[in-house]
C-alpha atoms as a PDB file:
ATOM      1  CA  MET A   1      36.921  -2.223  -1.475  1.00  0.00           C
ATOM      2  CA  PRO A   2      34.501   0.529  -2.416  1.00  0.00           C
ATOM      3  CA  ARG A   3      35.825   4.483  -2.046  1.00  0.00           C
ATOM      4  CA  THR A   4      34.162   5.770   1.091  1.00  0.00           C
ATOM      5  CA  ARG A   5      32.205   8.708   0.417  1.00  0.00           C
ATOM      6  CA  GLN A   6      32.360  11.623   3.233  1.00  0.00           C
ATOM      7  CA  VAL A   7      28.718  13.384   3.650  1.00  0.00           C
ATOM      8  CA  LEU A   8      27.771  15.826   5.636  1.00  0.00           C
ATOM      9  CA  VAL A   9      24.963  16.943   6.939  1.00  0.00           C
ATOM     10  CA  LEU A  10      24.323  20.347   8.146  1.00  0.00           C
ATOM     11  CA  ALA A  11      21.880  20.500  10.955  1.00  0.00           C
ATOM     12  CA  VAL A  12      20.992  24.123  12.957  1.00  0.00           C
ATOM     13  CA  GLU A  13      18.604  25.192  15.563  1.00  0.00           C
ATOM     14  CA  HIS A  14      14.699  24.524  15.001  1.00  0.00           C
ATOM     15  CA  CYS A  15      15.725  22.763  11.347  1.00  0.00           C
ATOM     16  CA  GLN A  16      13.234  19.775  10.283  1.00  0.00           C
ATOM     17  CA  SER A  17      13.846  16.394  11.728  1.00  0.00           C
ATOM     18  CA  LEU A  18      13.049  14.512   8.298  1.00  0.00           C
ATOM     19  CA  ASP A  19      15.570  17.181   6.307  1.00  0.00           C
ATOM     20  CA  VAL A  20      18.074  15.405   8.536  1.00  0.00           C
ATOM     21  CA  PHE A  21      17.738  11.829   9.105  1.00  0.00           C
ATOM     22  CA  GLY A  22      15.699  11.135   5.652  1.00  0.00           C
ATOM     23  CA  PRO A  23      18.837  11.814   3.442  1.00  0.00           C
ATOM     24  CA  VAL A  24      20.748  10.124   7.142  1.00  0.00           C
ATOM     25  CA  GLU A  25      18.623   6.834   6.098  1.00  0.00           C
ATOM     26  CA  VAL A  26      18.964   6.763   2.535  1.00  0.00           C
ATOM     27  CA  PHE A  27      22.932   6.915   2.820  1.00  0.00           C
ATOM     28  CA  ASP A  28      23.232   4.318   5.679  1.00  0.00           C
ATOM     29  CA  HIS A  29      20.756   1.929   3.518  1.00  0.00           C
ATOM     30  CA  ALA A  30      22.985   2.337   0.594  1.00  0.00           C
ATOM     31  CA  SER A  31      26.070   1.442   2.961  1.00  0.00           C
ATOM     32  CA  ARG A  32      24.200  -1.725   3.597  1.00  0.00           C
ATOM     33  CA  GLU A  33      23.803  -2.180   0.067  1.00  0.00           C
ATOM     34  CA  ILE A  34      27.674  -2.003  -0.457  1.00  0.00           C
ATOM     35  CA  PRO A  35      29.238  -1.989   2.918  1.00  0.00           C
ATOM     36  CA  GLY A  36      31.809   1.601   3.011  1.00  0.00           C
ATOM     37  CA  ALA A  37      29.859   3.427   0.292  1.00  0.00           C
ATOM     38  CA  TYR A  38      28.975   5.857   2.413  1.00  0.00           C
ATOM     39  CA  GLN A  39      30.199   7.681   5.866  1.00  0.00           C
ATOM     40  CA  VAL A  40      28.049  10.050   7.610  1.00  0.00           C
ATOM     41  CA  GLN A  41      28.410  12.763   9.905  1.00  0.00           C
ATOM     42  CA  VAL A  42      25.854  14.856  11.622  1.00  0.00           C
ATOM     43  CA  VAL A  43      27.445  18.259  12.714  1.00  0.00           C
ATOM     44  CA  SER A  44      25.797  22.117  13.774  1.00  0.00           C
ATOM     45  CA  PRO A  45      26.993  25.049  15.028  1.00  0.00           C
ATOM     46  CA  ALA A  46      25.881  24.795  18.302  1.00  0.00           C
ATOM     47  CA  GLN A  47      29.216  24.700  20.981  1.00  0.00           C
ATOM     48  CA  ASP A  48      28.292  21.250  22.462  1.00  0.00           C
ATOM     49  CA  GLY A  49      26.841  19.960  19.492  1.00  0.00           C
ATOM     50  CA  THR A  50      23.590  19.288  20.367  1.00  0.00           C
ATOM     51  CA  ILE A  51      20.154  21.527  18.780  1.00  0.00           C
ATOM     52  CA  THR A  52      16.917  21.154  19.457  1.00  0.00           C
ATOM     53  CA  LEU A  53      15.081  20.462  16.138  1.00  0.00           C
ATOM     54  CA  SER A  54      11.280  21.974  15.175  1.00  0.00           C
ATOM     55  CA  SER A  55       9.516  19.353  16.565  1.00  0.00           C
ATOM     56  CA  GLY A  56      11.300  20.092  20.107  1.00  0.00           C
ATOM     57  CA  VAL A  57      13.146  16.605  19.853  1.00  0.00           C
ATOM     58  CA  ARG A  58      17.258  17.416  20.976  1.00  0.00           C
ATOM     59  CA  LEU A  59      19.813  16.308  18.637  1.00  0.00           C
ATOM     60  CA  ALA A  60      23.908  15.171  19.632  1.00  0.00           C
ATOM     61  CA  SER A  61      25.865  16.103  16.582  1.00  0.00           C
ATOM     62  CA  ALA A  62      29.134  16.701  15.699  1.00  0.00           C
ATOM     63  CA  PRO A  63      30.264  20.919  15.981  1.00  0.00           C
ATOM     64  CA  LEU A  64      31.360  22.454  13.033  1.00  0.00           C
ATOM     65  CA  PRO A  65      34.162  21.283  11.694  1.00  0.00           C
ATOM     66  CA  ASP A  66      37.010  24.074  11.561  1.00  0.00           C
ATOM     67  CA  PRO A  67      38.498  24.460   8.604  1.00  0.00           C
ATOM     68  CA  PRO A  68      35.940  21.933   6.526  1.00  0.00           C
ATOM     69  CA  PRO A  69      37.152  19.140   5.702  1.00  0.00           C
ATOM     70  CA  ARG A  70      37.699  17.518   2.153  1.00  0.00           C
ATOM     71  CA  HIS A  71      34.499  15.517   1.424  1.00  0.00           C
ATOM     72  CA  ASP A  72      31.961  14.326  -1.225  1.00  0.00           C
ATOM     73  CA  THR A  73      28.742  15.528  -0.331  1.00  0.00           C
ATOM     74  CA  LEU A  74      27.163  18.252   1.750  1.00  0.00           C
ATOM     75  CA  VAL A  75      23.372  18.935   2.761  1.00  0.00           C
ATOM     76  CA  ILE A  76      22.067  21.209   4.628  1.00  0.00           C
ATOM     77  CA  ALA A  77      18.787  20.321   6.562  1.00  0.00           C
ATOM     78  CA  GLY A  78      15.474  23.078   6.667  1.00  0.00           C
ATOM     79  CA  GLY A  79      12.976  23.827   8.186  1.00  0.00           C
ATOM     80  CA  GLU A  80      12.136  26.962   9.927  1.00  0.00           C
ATOM     81  CA  GLY A  81      15.580  26.857  11.592  1.00  0.00           C
ATOM     82  CA  ALA A  82      17.261  27.170   8.317  1.00  0.00           C
ATOM     83  CA  VAL A  83      15.684  30.653   6.964  1.00  0.00           C
ATOM     84  CA  ALA A  84      16.550  31.978  10.390  1.00  0.00           C
ATOM     85  CA  ALA A  85      20.051  30.590   9.970  1.00  0.00           C
ATOM     86  CA  VAL A  86      20.852  33.025   6.599  1.00  0.00           C
ATOM     87  CA  ASP A  87      21.399  35.942   9.581  1.00  0.00           C
ATOM     88  CA  ASP A  88      24.123  33.706  11.186  1.00  0.00           C
ATOM     89  CA  ASP A  89      27.493  35.021   9.466  1.00  0.00           C
ATOM     90  CA  ARG A  90      29.381  32.292  10.567  1.00  0.00           C
ATOM     91  CA  ILE A  91      26.815  29.516   9.541  1.00  0.00           C
ATOM     92  CA  VAL A  92      26.372  31.190   6.284  1.00  0.00           C
ATOM     93  CA  ASP A  93      30.447  31.378   5.749  1.00  0.00           C
ATOM     94  CA  TRP A  94      30.769  28.223   7.020  1.00  0.00           C
ATOM     95  CA  VAL A  95      28.552  26.893   4.283  1.00  0.00           C
ATOM     96  CA  ALA A  96      30.658  29.144   1.374  1.00  0.00           C
ATOM     97  CA  ARG A  97      33.927  27.470   2.328  1.00  0.00           C
ATOM     98  CA  ALA A  98      32.709  23.799   2.932  1.00  0.00           C
ATOM     99  CA  SER A  99      31.152  23.938  -0.278  1.00  0.00           C
ATOM    100  CA  ARG A 100      34.116  24.512  -1.710  1.00  0.00           C
ATOM    101  CA  ARG A 101      35.898  21.453  -0.692  1.00  0.00           C
ATOM    102  CA  ALA A 102      32.510  19.555  -1.114  1.00  0.00           C
ATOM    103  CA  ARG A 103      31.891  17.699  -5.097  1.00  0.00           C
ATOM    104  CA  ARG A 104      28.466  19.218  -4.571  1.00  0.00           C
ATOM    105  CA  THR A 105      26.275  20.937  -2.296  1.00  0.00           C
ATOM    106  CA  ALA A 106      22.824  19.862  -1.858  1.00  0.00           C
ATOM    107  CA  SER A 107      19.715  20.759  -0.194  1.00  0.00           C
ATOM    108  CA  VAL A 108      16.073  19.897   1.796  1.00  0.00           C
ATOM    109  CA  CYS A 109      13.509  22.248   1.586  1.00  0.00           C
ATOM    110  CA  THR A 110      14.280  25.859   3.233  1.00  0.00           C
ATOM    111  CA  GLY A 111      17.976  24.819   3.061  1.00  0.00           C
ATOM    112  CA  ALA A 112      17.941  26.516  -0.038  1.00  0.00           C
ATOM    113  CA  PHE A 113      17.569  29.977   1.415  1.00  0.00           C
ATOM    114  CA  VAL A 114      21.465  29.602   3.378  1.00  0.00           C
ATOM    115  CA  LEU A 115      22.599  27.805   0.042  1.00  0.00           C
ATOM    116  CA  ALA A 116      21.631  31.619  -1.225  1.00  0.00           C
ATOM    117  CA  ALA A 117      22.694  33.448   1.208  1.00  0.00           C
ATOM    118  CA  ALA A 118      26.092  31.937   0.672  1.00  0.00           C
ATOM    119  CA  GLY A 119      25.979  32.755  -3.042  1.00  0.00           C
ATOM    120  CA  LEU A 120      26.092  29.093  -4.301  1.00  0.00           C
ATOM    121  CA  LEU A 121      22.425  29.266  -6.224  1.00  0.00           C
ATOM    122  CA  ASP A 122      23.513  32.182  -8.269  1.00  0.00           C
ATOM    123  CA  ASP A 123      22.431  32.494 -11.548  1.00  0.00           C
ATOM    124  CA  ARG A 124      20.992  28.487 -11.147  1.00  0.00           C
ATOM    125  CA  ARG A 125      17.798  26.495 -11.081  1.00  0.00           C
ATOM    126  CA  ALA A 126      16.627  25.968  -7.681  1.00  0.00           C
ATOM    127  CA  THR A 127      13.706  24.776  -5.738  1.00  0.00           C
ATOM    128  CA  THR A 128      12.067  24.633  -1.815  1.00  0.00           C
ATOM    129  CA  HIS A 129       9.268  23.543  -0.389  1.00  0.00           C
ATOM    130  CA  TRP A 130       6.583  25.202  -2.618  1.00  0.00           C
ATOM    131  CA  ALA A 131       4.445  27.320   0.522  1.00  0.00           C
ATOM    132  CA  PHE A 132       8.772  29.011   0.601  1.00  0.00           C
ATOM    133  CA  CYS A 133       8.805  28.969  -3.476  1.00  0.00           C
ATOM    134  CA  ASP A 134       8.226  33.400  -3.751  1.00  0.00           C
ATOM    135  CA  LYS A 135       9.998  33.743  -0.514  1.00  0.00           C
ATOM    136  CA  LEU A 136      12.949  32.519  -1.876  1.00  0.00           C
ATOM    137  CA  ALA A 137      12.624  34.424  -5.317  1.00  0.00           C
ATOM    138  CA  HIS A 138      11.997  37.763  -3.938  1.00  0.00           C
ATOM    139  CA  SER A 139      14.365  37.515  -0.822  1.00  0.00           C
ATOM    140  CA  TYR A 140      17.346  36.347  -3.745  1.00  0.00           C
ATOM    141  CA  ALA A 141      16.403  37.901  -6.727  1.00  0.00           C
ATOM    142  CA  GLY A 142      19.893  35.913  -9.265  1.00  0.00           C
ATOM    143  CA  VAL A 143      17.975  32.586  -7.972  1.00  0.00           C
ATOM    144  CA  ASN A 144      15.816  31.092 -11.067  1.00  0.00           C
ATOM    145  CA  VAL A 145      13.506  29.607  -8.680  1.00  0.00           C
ATOM    146  CA  ASP A 146      11.272  26.797 -10.416  1.00  0.00           C
ATOM    147  CA  PRO A 147       8.176  25.265  -7.805  1.00  0.00           C
ATOM    148  CA  ASP A 148       7.318  22.624  -9.558  1.00  0.00           C
ATOM    149  CA  PRO A 149      10.141  19.474  -9.727  1.00  0.00           C
ATOM    150  CA  VAL A 150      10.675  17.786  -6.472  1.00  0.00           C
ATOM    151  CA  PHE A 151      14.452  18.025  -6.643  1.00  0.00           C
ATOM    152  CA  ILE A 152      16.508  19.652  -8.854  1.00  0.00           C
ATOM    153  CA  HIS A 153      20.307  19.525 -10.169  1.00  0.00           C
ATOM    154  CA  ASP A 154      21.950  22.129 -11.585  1.00  0.00           C
ATOM    155  CA  GLY A 155      25.888  21.548 -12.011  1.00  0.00           C
ATOM    156  CA  GLU A 156      27.312  20.741  -8.553  1.00  0.00           C
ATOM    157  CA  VAL A 157      24.447  21.641  -6.580  1.00  0.00           C
ATOM    158  CA  TRP A 158      21.242  19.686  -5.782  1.00  0.00           C
ATOM    159  CA  THR A 159      18.112  21.559  -4.460  1.00  0.00           C
ATOM    160  CA  SER A 160      14.881  19.957  -2.992  1.00  0.00           C
ATOM    161  CA  ALA A 161      11.044  20.731  -2.384  1.00  0.00           C
ATOM    162  CA  GLY A 162      10.358  19.982   1.651  1.00  0.00           C
ATOM    163  CA  ILE A 163      10.952  17.556   3.694  1.00  0.00           C
ATOM    164  CA  THR A 164      10.249  14.090   2.219  1.00  0.00           C
ATOM    165  CA  ALA A 165      11.699  15.457  -0.911  1.00  0.00           C
ATOM    166  CA  GLY A 166      14.662  14.877   0.838  1.00  0.00           C
ATOM    167  CA  ILE A 167      14.519  11.205   0.578  1.00  0.00           C
ATOM    168  CA  ASP A 168      14.060  11.578  -3.160  1.00  0.00           C
ATOM    169  CA  LEU A 169      17.133  13.768  -2.950  1.00  0.00           C
ATOM    170  CA  SER A 170      19.176  11.305  -1.778  1.00  0.00           C
ATOM    171  CA  LEU A 171      18.261   8.326  -3.512  1.00  0.00           C
ATOM    172  CA  ALA A 172      19.183  10.402  -6.870  1.00  0.00           C
ATOM    173  CA  LEU A 173      22.498  11.273  -5.235  1.00  0.00           C
ATOM    174  CA  VAL A 174      22.722   7.390  -4.661  1.00  0.00           C
ATOM    175  CA  GLU A 175      22.218   6.431  -8.071  1.00  0.00           C
ATOM    176  CA  ASP A 176      24.010   8.792  -9.411  1.00  0.00           C
ATOM    177  CA  ASP A 177      26.723   7.099  -7.315  1.00  0.00           C
ATOM    178  CA  LEU A 178      26.036   3.821  -7.270  1.00  0.00           C
ATOM    179  CA  GLY A 179      23.917   3.007 -10.687  1.00  0.00           C
ATOM    180  CA  PRO A 180      20.027   1.897 -10.019  1.00  0.00           C
ATOM    181  CA  THR A 181      19.921  -1.365  -9.038  1.00  0.00           C
ATOM    182  CA  ILE A 182      21.119   0.440  -5.371  1.00  0.00           C
ATOM    183  CA  ALA A 183      19.163   2.848  -5.419  1.00  0.00           C
ATOM    184  CA  LEU A 184      16.103   0.693  -6.164  1.00  0.00           C
ATOM    185  CA  ALA A 185      17.225  -1.723  -3.110  1.00  0.00           C
ATOM    186  CA  VAL A 186      17.104   1.711  -0.898  1.00  0.00           C
ATOM    187  CA  ALA A 187      14.115   2.668  -1.854  1.00  0.00           C
ATOM    188  CA  ARG A 188      12.699  -0.840  -1.243  1.00  0.00           C
ATOM    189  CA  ALA A 189      14.145  -1.718   1.547  1.00  0.00           C
ATOM    190  CA  LEU A 190      12.643   1.848   3.169  1.00  0.00           C
ATOM    191  CA  VAL A 191       9.561   1.404   1.936  1.00  0.00           C
ATOM    192  CA  VAL A 192       9.205   4.433  -0.220  1.00  0.00           C
ATOM    193  CA  PHE A 193       8.008   4.638  -3.998  1.00  0.00           C
ATOM    194  CA  LEU A 194      10.410   4.315  -6.751  1.00  0.00           C
ATOM    195  CA  LYS A 195      12.175   7.418  -6.975  1.00  0.00           C
ATOM    196  CA  ARG A 196      10.343  10.302  -8.751  1.00  0.00           C
ATOM    197  CA  PRO A 197      12.130  12.057 -11.634  1.00  0.00           C
ATOM    198  CA  GLY A 198      12.838  15.708 -10.996  1.00  0.00           C
ATOM    199  CA  GLY A 199      10.324  17.139 -12.978  1.00  0.00           C
ATOM    200  CA  GLN A 200       7.711  15.741 -10.900  1.00  0.00           C
ATOM    201  CA  SER A 201       5.304  18.103 -10.051  1.00  0.00           C
ATOM    202  CA  GLN A 202       5.962  18.129  -5.736  1.00  0.00           C
ATOM    203  CA  PHE A 203       2.634  19.381  -5.313  1.00  0.00           C
ATOM    204  CA  SER A 204       0.107  16.595  -5.276  1.00  0.00           C
ATOM    205  CA  ARG A 205      -3.034  17.477  -7.113  1.00  0.00           C
ATOM    206  CA  ALA A 206      -4.640  15.084  -4.329  1.00  0.00           C
ATOM    207  CA  LEU A 207      -3.502  17.155  -1.511  1.00  0.00           C
ATOM    208  CA  SER A 208      -4.912  20.853  -3.762  1.00  0.00           C
ATOM    209  CA  ALA A 209      -8.528  19.402  -2.588  1.00  0.00           C
ATOM    210  CA  GLN A 210     -10.055  19.856   0.581  1.00  0.00           C
ATOM    211  CA  GLN A 211     -10.834  16.874   3.520  1.00  0.00           C
ATOM    212  CA  ALA A 212     -14.329  17.064   4.411  1.00  0.00           C
ATOM    213  CA  ALA A 213     -15.638  18.449   7.219  1.00  0.00           C
ATOM    214  CA  ARG A 214     -17.492  15.072   8.508  1.00  0.00           C
ATOM    215  CA  PRO A 215     -15.856  11.735   9.163  1.00  0.00           C
ATOM    216  CA  ALA A 216     -17.859   9.526   7.108  1.00  0.00           C
ATOM    217  CA  LEU A 217     -16.739  11.643   3.984  1.00  0.00           C
ATOM    218  CA  ARG A 218     -12.692  11.976   5.038  1.00  0.00           C
ATOM    219  CA  GLU A 219     -13.291   8.728   5.571  1.00  0.00           C
ATOM    220  CA  LEU A 220     -14.618   8.029   1.807  1.00  0.00           C
ATOM    221  CA  GLN A 221     -11.909  10.142   0.294  1.00  0.00           C
ATOM    222  CA  ALA A 222      -8.940   8.078   1.916  1.00  0.00           C
ATOM    223  CA  TRP A 223     -11.526   4.822   0.590  1.00  0.00           C
ATOM    224  CA  ILE A 224     -11.266   6.181  -2.845  1.00  0.00           C
ATOM    225  CA  ALA A 225      -7.635   6.379  -3.251  1.00  0.00           C
ATOM    226  CA  ALA A 226      -7.038   3.440  -2.169  1.00  0.00           C
ATOM    227  CA  HIS A 227      -9.848   2.065  -4.423  1.00  0.00           C
ATOM    228  CA  LEU A 228      -9.623   3.667  -8.302  1.00  0.00           C
ATOM    229  CA  GLU A 229      -9.586   0.713 -10.197  1.00  0.00           C
ATOM    230  CA  GLU A 230     -13.087  -0.283  -8.802  1.00  0.00           C
ATOM    231  CA  ASP A 231     -16.440   1.418  -9.909  1.00  0.00           C
ATOM    232  CA  LEU A 232     -16.462   5.096  -8.220  1.00  0.00           C
ATOM    233  CA  SER A 233     -19.943   5.879  -9.810  1.00  0.00           C
ATOM    234  CA  VAL A 234     -21.849   8.664  -7.769  1.00  0.00           C
ATOM    235  CA  ALA A 235     -24.064   5.680  -6.667  1.00  0.00           C
ATOM    236  CA  ARG A 236     -21.316   3.165  -5.420  1.00  0.00           C
ATOM    237  CA  LEU A 237     -20.054   6.287  -3.116  1.00  0.00           C
ATOM    238  CA  ALA A 238     -23.089   7.271  -2.018  1.00  0.00           C
ATOM    239  CA  ASP A 239     -23.990   4.058  -1.256  1.00  0.00           C
ATOM    240  CA  HIS A 240     -20.115   3.483   0.887  1.00  0.00           C
ATOM    241  CA  ALA A 241     -21.067   6.731   2.465  1.00  0.00           C
ATOM    242  CA  VAL A 242     -24.686   6.050   3.555  1.00  0.00           C
ATOM    243  CA  MET A 243     -26.398   8.279   1.969  1.00  0.00           C
ATOM    244  CA  SER A 244     -28.937   8.769  -0.419  1.00  0.00           C
ATOM    245  CA  GLU A 245     -27.085  10.231  -4.701  1.00  0.00           C
ATOM    246  CA  ARG A 246     -28.385  13.353  -4.218  1.00  0.00           C
ATOM    247  CA  SER A 247     -26.930  14.164  -0.481  1.00  0.00           C
ATOM    248  CA  PHE A 248     -24.384  12.424  -1.055  1.00  0.00           C
ATOM    249  CA  ALA A 249     -23.911  14.764  -4.197  1.00  0.00           C
ATOM    250  CA  ARG A 250     -24.315  17.923  -2.477  1.00  0.00           C
ATOM    251  CA  ALA A 251     -22.408  17.548   0.651  1.00  0.00           C
ATOM    252  CA  PHE A 252     -19.469  16.390  -1.312  1.00  0.00           C
ATOM    253  CA  HIS A 253     -19.048  18.799  -3.513  1.00  0.00           C
ATOM    254  CA  ARG A 254     -19.697  21.588  -0.829  1.00  0.00           C
ATOM    255  CA  GLU A 255     -17.155  20.013   1.691  1.00  0.00           C
ATOM    256  CA  VAL A 256     -14.607  19.143  -1.084  1.00  0.00           C
ATOM    257  CA  GLY A 257     -15.359  22.016  -3.644  1.00  0.00           C
ATOM    258  CA  GLN A 258     -14.972  19.301  -6.239  1.00  0.00           C
ATOM    259  CA  THR A 259     -17.733  17.126  -7.733  1.00  0.00           C
ATOM    260  CA  PRO A 260     -17.508  13.263  -6.942  1.00  0.00           C
ATOM    261  CA  ALA A 261     -16.544  12.708 -10.539  1.00  0.00           C
ATOM    262  CA  ALA A 262     -14.130  15.379 -10.768  1.00  0.00           C
ATOM    263  CA  TYR A 263     -12.396  14.520  -7.554  1.00  0.00           C
ATOM    264  CA  VAL A 264     -12.239  10.380  -8.264  1.00  0.00           C
ATOM    265  CA  GLU A 265     -10.420  11.728 -12.232  1.00  0.00           C
ATOM    266  CA  THR A 266      -8.139  13.920 -10.230  1.00  0.00           C
ATOM    267  CA  LEU A 267      -6.804  10.964  -8.757  1.00  0.00           C
ATOM    268  CA  ARG A 268      -6.865   8.831 -10.962  1.00  0.00           C
ATOM    269  CA  ILE A 269      -5.171  10.935 -13.602  1.00  0.00           C
ATOM    270  CA  GLU A 270      -2.286  11.595 -10.764  1.00  0.00           C
ATOM    271  CA  ARG A 271      -1.880   7.768 -10.152  1.00  0.00           C
ATOM    272  CA  ALA A 272      -1.426   7.448 -13.852  1.00  0.00           C
ATOM    273  CA  ARG A 273       1.020   9.899 -14.114  1.00  0.00           C
ATOM    274  CA  ASP A 274       2.777   7.863 -11.435  1.00  0.00           C
ATOM    275  CA  LEU A 275       2.748   4.503 -13.250  1.00  0.00           C
ATOM    276  CA  LEU A 276       3.589   6.647 -16.876  1.00  0.00           C
ATOM    277  CA  GLU A 277       6.811   8.423 -14.598  1.00  0.00           C
ATOM    278  CA  ASP A 278       7.302   4.972 -13.500  1.00  0.00           C
ATOM    279  CA  GLY A 279       7.910   3.960 -17.282  1.00  0.00           C
ATOM    280  CA  ALA A 280       4.899   1.766 -17.706  1.00  0.00           C
ATOM    281  CA  PRO A 281       4.817  -0.009 -21.238  1.00  0.00           C
ATOM    282  CA  SER A 282       1.501  -0.390 -21.738  1.00  0.00           C
ATOM    283  CA  LEU A 283      -1.292   2.423 -21.973  1.00  0.00           C
ATOM    284  CA  ASP A 284      -4.125  -0.500 -21.401  1.00  0.00           C
ATOM    285  CA  ALA A 285      -2.856  -1.739 -18.441  1.00  0.00           C
ATOM    286  CA  VAL A 286      -2.190   1.626 -16.724  1.00  0.00           C
ATOM    287  CA  ALA A 287      -5.870   2.203 -17.752  1.00  0.00           C
ATOM    288  CA  GLN A 288      -6.701  -1.367 -15.584  1.00  0.00           C
ATOM    289  CA  SER A 289      -4.942  -0.237 -12.696  1.00  0.00           C
ATOM    290  CA  THR A 290      -6.340   3.020 -12.795  1.00  0.00           C
ATOM    291  CA  GLY A 291      -9.989   2.749 -12.925  1.00  0.00           C
ATOM    292  CA  PHE A 292     -10.609   3.637 -16.418  1.00  0.00           C
ATOM    293  CA  ALA A 293     -12.770   2.144 -18.672  1.00  0.00           C
ATOM    294  CA  SER A 294     -10.082   2.325 -21.483  1.00  0.00           C
ATOM    295  CA  ALA A 295      -6.629   3.939 -22.714  1.00  0.00           C
ATOM    296  CA  GLU A 296      -9.143   5.910 -25.032  1.00  0.00           C
ATOM    297  CA  VAL A 297     -10.841   7.177 -21.741  1.00  0.00           C
ATOM    298  CA  LEU A 298      -7.665   7.404 -20.369  1.00  0.00           C
ATOM    299  CA  ARG A 299      -6.081   9.662 -22.766  1.00  0.00           C
ATOM    300  CA  ARG A 300      -8.886  11.959 -23.664  1.00  0.00           C
ATOM    301  CA  ALA A 301      -8.856  12.454 -19.767  1.00  0.00           C
ATOM    302  CA  PHE A 302      -5.019  12.901 -19.710  1.00  0.00           C
ATOM    303  CA  GLN A 303      -4.998  15.084 -23.020  1.00  0.00           C
ATOM    304  CA  ARG A 304      -8.105  17.485 -20.870  1.00  0.00           C
ATOM    305  CA  ARG A 305      -6.881  17.719 -17.845  1.00  0.00           C
ATOM    306  CA  LEU A 306      -2.722  17.892 -18.749  1.00  0.00           C
ATOM    307  CA  GLY A 307      -2.828  18.998 -22.323  1.00  0.00           C
ATOM    308  CA  VAL A 308      -0.574  15.709 -23.106  1.00  0.00           C
ATOM    309  CA  ALA A 309      -0.812  12.648 -24.590  1.00  0.00           C
ATOM    310  CA  PRO A 310      -0.173   9.516 -21.691  1.00  0.00           C
ATOM    311  CA  ALA A 311       2.343   8.402 -24.511  1.00  0.00           C
ATOM    312  CA  GLU A 312       4.015  11.774 -24.907  1.00  0.00           C
ATOM    313  CA  TYR A 313       4.320  12.342 -20.987  1.00  0.00           C
ATOM    314  CA  ARG A 314       5.499   8.688 -20.244  1.00  0.00           C
ATOM    315  CA  ASP A 315       7.937   9.280 -22.978  1.00  0.00           C
ATOM    316  CA  ARG A 316       9.550  12.790 -21.905  1.00  0.00           C
ATOM    317  CA  PHE A 317       9.924  11.306 -18.378  1.00  0.00           C
ATOM    318  CA  ARG A 318      12.337   8.777 -20.157  1.00  0.00           C
ATOM    319  CA  LEU A 319      14.200  11.190 -21.982  1.00  0.00           C
ATOM    320  CA  THR A 320      14.262  13.224 -18.179  1.00  0.00           C
ATOM    321  CA  SER A 321      15.610   9.720 -16.614  1.00  0.00           C
END
């Protein structure tokens, strides 16, 4: 019979629902793979244990156990409520005490603010939602804020980027406990991407592009992302958008902020990064899957965009993993 790891997830008023349920689902599915692996309890500072999440959903949880019990993992959910919670001495004090009775402590998204207020991030590397990294660094000078990673593991403290990154973080915790085979099985059950390494940028280059104003071009953007391995010349894209090449190129650049060719290459590079981070052994296969004419064309685009060769990029992530 495996050892059962007790997990406490702290949910405060107006916290982000996915910051709570993402980790809960990961640990629950791990327990389906290995019965009894985890026992998860969601706790809150509300007297009756009922809080309202930022989405407006009401959540019934257990009240804060005081004194905090000995447990394996403490997870602090983020959201707007977590940022406000730093002014609640009761919550901050409880987190400080609970972390001392946990093997490891983790935060999702802006839950890092609560950890920082409790002094748990002093002289540590940490991350949070990209939109709040500057605020975290400004508010807590002792924290070495890194806005790039999806999650960071520094000693017994783990922090993650925003919202869905809590799933990446929790998968990493499961892998740390039960190994990569179980973590992969959980990822497949949840239909999420394979575990991303902690060094992967949390801010998608695709998301940095503007969404076009006209519906036809917005639909085309989604179509491009799903057909990166195909011919995506301006002529093909203009035909798909039912526009002349000249009108299409002008409209796309005006509304998206990039030329069609630059936009396509950006998405192809990002897809190639995903494949390389998952350890793809063949650059030829990566090039074919992402629509580059050859491994050499991929190499030149990668070097120009990221300043590193694709093979070196893949090897770096192997070392990180």
